[in-house]
Amino acid sequence: MAIISRSVEIMADADRVYDLISKVEEFSLYSDLIDSIKETTPKTYHWKARLGAIPVEWDAVVIEERRPRRFAWRSIKGFENSGSYTLTPSGSGTTVCFEMEFHLPVSILEQAISLLSDRYMNKLSEDILGEIKKRIEVE
């Protein structure tokens, strides 16, 4: 499994940051790599995204909601992944740590895109964190 880890300092209290992180369906507005996110049942979401030109889909369930400190999920179908946002108050705001593990099953097609997957998953995490930071700090 590949692991992505990223942190960002946001000049807002943890409650405000958590409010945006917990609105999963809005993440499709944060990155051009996400085509859509639909809530299918409470706390379960169907994601459609792209790794380059390769479409990927998965269903993910929210497994932890500890407001305003932690928000976590894991996939239950499709593209295998799990991750979390951990929020820690800091001197002038909140430090948000994003961690995600993902696995691409081995096939000829996936071997070809696995070289690009880290780059796209890093971009996705940067897009989401950057947009959350921008939405809060520009208000």
C-alpha atoms as a PDB file:
ATOM      1  CA  MET A   1       0.000   0.000   0.000  1.00  0.00           C
ATOM      2  CA  ALA A   2       1.127   3.522  -0.764  1.00  0.00           C
ATOM      3  CA  ILE A   3       0.805   6.188   1.917  1.00  0.00           C
ATOM      4  CA  ILE A   4       0.298   9.916   1.472  1.00  0.00           C
ATOM      5  CA  SER A   5       0.772  12.258   4.384  1.00  0.00           C
ATOM      6  CA  ARG A   6       0.328  16.023   4.269  1.00  0.00           C
ATOM      7  CA  SER A   7      -0.112  18.832   6.812  1.00  0.00           C
ATOM      8  CA  VAL A   8      -1.345  22.381   6.514  1.00  0.00           C
ATOM      9  CA  GLU A   9      -1.803  25.216   8.978  1.00  0.00           C
ATOM     10  CA  ILE A  10      -5.191  26.935   8.702  1.00  0.00           C
ATOM     11  CA  MET A  11      -5.875  30.228  10.444  1.00  0.00           C
ATOM     12  CA  ALA A  12      -9.185  29.197  11.999  1.00  0.00           C
ATOM     13  CA  ASP A  13     -10.402  27.227  14.981  1.00  0.00           C
ATOM     14  CA  ALA A  14     -10.776  23.458  14.687  1.00  0.00           C
ATOM     15  CA  ASP A  15     -14.604  23.575  14.678  1.00  0.00           C
ATOM     16  CA  ARG A  16     -14.679  25.732  11.523  1.00  0.00           C
ATOM     17  CA  VAL A  17     -12.137  23.516   9.784  1.00  0.00           C
ATOM     18  CA  TYR A  18     -13.982  20.353  10.809  1.00  0.00           C
ATOM     19  CA  ASP A  19     -17.225  21.778   9.382  1.00  0.00           C
ATOM     20  CA  LEU A  20     -15.684  21.807   5.895  1.00  0.00           C
ATOM     21  CA  ILE A  21     -13.855  18.491   6.211  1.00  0.00           C
ATOM     22  CA  SER A  22     -17.037  16.698   7.246  1.00  0.00           C
ATOM     23  CA  LYS A  23     -18.938  17.890   4.135  1.00  0.00           C
ATOM     24  CA  VAL A  24     -17.654  15.033   1.980  1.00  0.00           C
ATOM     25  CA  GLU A  25     -19.895  15.678  -1.034  1.00  0.00           C
ATOM     26  CA  GLU A  26     -18.384  19.157  -1.464  1.00  0.00           C
ATOM     27  CA  PHE A  27     -14.905  17.692  -2.089  1.00  0.00           C
ATOM     28  CA  SER A  28     -15.869  17.361  -5.762  1.00  0.00           C
ATOM     29  CA  LEU A  29     -15.719  21.186  -5.854  1.00  0.00           C
ATOM     30  CA  TYR A  30     -12.181  21.164  -4.452  1.00  0.00           C
ATOM     31  CA  SER A  31     -10.315  19.176  -7.114  1.00  0.00           C
ATOM     32  CA  ASP A  32     -10.599  18.646 -10.854  1.00  0.00           C
ATOM     33  CA  LEU A  33      -9.596  15.009 -10.245  1.00  0.00           C
ATOM     34  CA  ILE A  34     -12.956  14.292  -8.578  1.00  0.00           C
ATOM     35  CA  ASP A  35     -15.890  13.933 -10.962  1.00  0.00           C
ATOM     36  CA  SER A  36     -18.580  13.375  -8.336  1.00  0.00           C
ATOM     37  CA  ILE A  37     -19.320  12.254  -4.796  1.00  0.00           C
ATOM     38  CA  LYS A  38     -22.806  11.082  -3.861  1.00  0.00           C
ATOM     39  CA  GLU A  39     -24.071  10.063  -0.445  1.00  0.00           C
ATOM     40  CA  THR A  40     -25.632   6.595  -0.915  1.00  0.00           C
ATOM     41  CA  THR A  41     -26.586   5.951   2.719  1.00  0.00           C
ATOM     42  CA  PRO A  42     -25.840   7.941   5.843  1.00  0.00           C
ATOM     43  CA  LYS A  43     -22.025   8.068   6.198  1.00  0.00           C
ATOM     44  CA  THR A  44     -21.440   6.139   2.938  1.00  0.00           C
ATOM     45  CA  TYR A  45     -20.356   7.861  -0.283  1.00  0.00           C
ATOM     46  CA  HIS A  46     -19.820   6.781  -3.881  1.00  0.00           C
ATOM     47  CA  TRP A  47     -16.780   8.508  -5.412  1.00  0.00           C
ATOM     48  CA  LYS A  48     -15.963   8.919  -9.106  1.00  0.00           C
ATOM     49  CA  ALA A  49     -12.495  10.298  -9.832  1.00  0.00           C
ATOM     50  CA  ARG A  50      -9.668  10.083 -12.353  1.00  0.00           C
ATOM     51  CA  LEU A  51      -6.024   9.138 -12.182  1.00  0.00           C
ATOM     52  CA  GLY A  52      -5.022  10.934 -15.337  1.00  0.00           C
ATOM     53  CA  ALA A  53      -7.379   9.626 -18.005  1.00  0.00           C
ATOM     54  CA  ILE A  54      -8.177   6.454 -16.022  1.00  0.00           C
ATOM     55  CA  PRO A  55     -11.536   6.565 -14.216  1.00  0.00           C
ATOM     56  CA  VAL A  56     -11.672   5.084 -10.708  1.00  0.00           C
ATOM     57  CA  GLU A  57     -14.674   4.543  -8.468  1.00  0.00           C
ATOM     58  CA  TRP A  58     -15.194   3.437  -4.908  1.00  0.00           C
ATOM     59  CA  ASP A  59     -17.615   3.433  -2.043  1.00  0.00           C
ATOM     60  CA  ALA A  60     -16.300   4.729   1.262  1.00  0.00           C
ATOM     61  CA  VAL A  61     -17.810   4.731   4.722  1.00  0.00           C
ATOM     62  CA  VAL A  62     -17.044   7.255   7.450  1.00  0.00           C
ATOM     63  CA  ILE A  63     -15.656   5.197  10.339  1.00  0.00           C
ATOM     64  CA  GLU A  64     -14.799   7.929  12.817  1.00  0.00           C
ATOM     65  CA  GLU A  65     -16.238  11.367  13.548  1.00  0.00           C
ATOM     66  CA  ARG A  66     -14.665  12.893  16.632  1.00  0.00           C
ATOM     67  CA  ARG A  67     -15.578  16.533  16.304  1.00  0.00           C
ATOM     68  CA  PRO A  68     -13.453  18.674  16.085  1.00  0.00           C
ATOM     69  CA  ARG A  69     -10.365  16.421  16.260  1.00  0.00           C
ATOM     70  CA  ARG A  70     -10.627  13.550  13.782  1.00  0.00           C
ATOM     71  CA  PHE A  71     -12.532  12.441  10.686  1.00  0.00           C
ATOM     72  CA  ALA A  72     -11.716   9.044   9.106  1.00  0.00           C
ATOM     73  CA  TRP A  73     -12.973   6.712   6.369  1.00  0.00           C
ATOM     74  CA  ARG A  74     -12.261   3.446   4.591  1.00  0.00           C
ATOM     75  CA  SER A  75     -13.375   2.130   1.259  1.00  0.00           C
ATOM     76  CA  ILE A  76     -15.765  -0.801   1.187  1.00  0.00           C
ATOM     77  CA  LYS A  77     -15.917  -1.351  -2.580  1.00  0.00           C
ATOM     78  CA  GLY A  78     -13.783  -0.426  -5.588  1.00  0.00           C
ATOM     79  CA  PHE A  79     -10.526   1.520  -5.296  1.00  0.00           C
ATOM     80  CA  GLU A  80      -9.032   0.371  -1.983  1.00  0.00           C
ATOM     81  CA  ASN A  81      -8.189   3.256   0.348  1.00  0.00           C
ATOM     82  CA  SER A  82      -8.514   4.544   3.884  1.00  0.00           C
ATOM     83  CA  GLY A  83      -7.525   7.725   5.582  1.00  0.00           C
ATOM     84  CA  SER A  84      -8.105  10.455   8.081  1.00  0.00           C
ATOM     85  CA  TYR A  85      -7.940  14.130   8.884  1.00  0.00           C
ATOM     86  CA  THR A  86      -6.529  14.921  12.323  1.00  0.00           C
ATOM     87  CA  LEU A  87      -7.012  18.475  13.590  1.00  0.00           C
ATOM     88  CA  THR A  88      -4.788  19.950  16.301  1.00  0.00           C
ATOM     89  CA  PRO A  89      -5.159  23.464  17.700  1.00  0.00           C
ATOM     90  CA  SER A  90      -2.031  25.535  17.215  1.00  0.00           C
ATOM     91  CA  GLY A  91      -0.999  29.000  18.325  1.00  0.00           C
ATOM     92  CA  SER A  92      -2.890  30.874  15.638  1.00  0.00           C
ATOM     93  CA  GLY A  93      -5.251  28.310  14.177  1.00  0.00           C
ATOM     94  CA  THR A  94      -5.437  24.605  13.439  1.00  0.00           C
ATOM     95  CA  THR A  95      -2.936  22.151  12.031  1.00  0.00           C
ATOM     96  CA  VAL A  96      -4.647  19.655   9.741  1.00  0.00           C
ATOM     97  CA  CYS A  97      -2.842  16.375   9.097  1.00  0.00           C
ATOM     98  CA  PHE A  98      -4.144  14.325   6.181  1.00  0.00           C
ATOM     99  CA  GLU A  99      -3.123  10.683   5.828  1.00  0.00           C
ATOM    100  CA  MET A 100      -4.282   8.240   3.192  1.00  0.00           C
ATOM    101  CA  GLU A 101      -3.321   4.695   2.319  1.00  0.00           C
ATOM    102  CA  PHE A 102      -4.302   3.247  -1.028  1.00  0.00           C
ATOM    103  CA  HIS A 103      -3.729   0.103  -3.006  1.00  0.00           C
ATOM    104  CA  LEU A 104      -4.067  -0.582  -6.703  1.00  0.00           C
ATOM    105  CA  PRO A 105      -4.643  -4.251  -7.522  1.00  0.00           C
ATOM    106  CA  VAL A 106      -1.950  -5.633  -9.791  1.00  0.00           C
ATOM    107  CA  SER A 107      -2.913  -5.874 -13.461  1.00  0.00           C
ATOM    108  CA  ILE A 108      -1.233  -4.699 -16.612  1.00  0.00           C
ATOM    109  CA  LEU A 109      -3.338  -1.531 -16.754  1.00  0.00           C
ATOM    110  CA  GLU A 110      -2.902  -0.779 -13.087  1.00  0.00           C
ATOM    111  CA  GLN A 111       0.839  -1.409 -13.257  1.00  0.00           C
ATOM    112  CA  ALA A 112       0.989   1.292 -15.913  1.00  0.00           C
ATOM    113  CA  ILE A 113      -0.972   3.813 -13.846  1.00  0.00           C
ATOM    114  CA  SER A 114       0.646   2.902 -10.538  1.00  0.00           C
ATOM    115  CA  LEU A 115       3.620   4.998 -11.608  1.00  0.00           C
ATOM    116  CA  LEU A 116       1.302   7.995 -11.846  1.00  0.00           C
ATOM    117  CA  SER A 117      -0.982   7.222  -8.904  1.00  0.00           C
ATOM    118  CA  ASP A 118       1.214   8.764  -6.214  1.00  0.00           C
ATOM    119  CA  ARG A 119       1.388  12.010  -8.180  1.00  0.00           C
ATOM    120  CA  TYR A 120      -2.381  12.164  -8.669  1.00  0.00           C
ATOM    121  CA  MET A 121      -3.216  11.198  -5.089  1.00  0.00           C
ATOM    122  CA  ASN A 122      -0.776  13.834  -3.817  1.00  0.00           C
ATOM    123  CA  LYS A 123      -2.430  16.421  -6.069  1.00  0.00           C
ATOM    124  CA  LEU A 124      -5.845  15.393  -4.796  1.00  0.00           C
ATOM    125  CA  SER A 125      -4.798  15.834  -1.167  1.00  0.00           C
ATOM    126  CA  GLU A 126      -3.153  19.198  -1.936  1.00  0.00           C
ATOM    127  CA  ASP A 127      -6.271  20.376  -3.793  1.00  0.00           C
ATOM    128  CA  ILE A 128      -8.626  19.475  -0.941  1.00  0.00           C
ATOM    129  CA  LEU A 129      -6.485  20.925   1.845  1.00  0.00           C
ATOM    130  CA  GLY A 130      -5.696  24.029  -0.206  1.00  0.00           C
ATOM    131  CA  GLU A 131      -9.350  24.671  -0.957  1.00  0.00           C
ATOM    132  CA  ILE A 132     -10.398  24.216   2.673  1.00  0.00           C
ATOM    133  CA  LYS A 133      -7.670  26.644   3.739  1.00  0.00           C
ATOM    134  CA  LYS A 134      -8.692  29.166   1.066  1.00  0.00           C
ATOM    135  CA  ARG A 135     -12.404  28.976   1.902  1.00  0.00           C
ATOM    136  CA  ILE A 136     -11.770  29.592   5.581  1.00  0.00           C
ATOM    137  CA  GLU A 137      -9.027  32.195   5.410  1.00  0.00           C
ATOM    138  CA  VAL A 138     -10.611  34.306   2.660  1.00  0.00           C
ATOM    139  CA  GLU A 139     -13.945  34.694   4.505  1.00  0.00           C
END
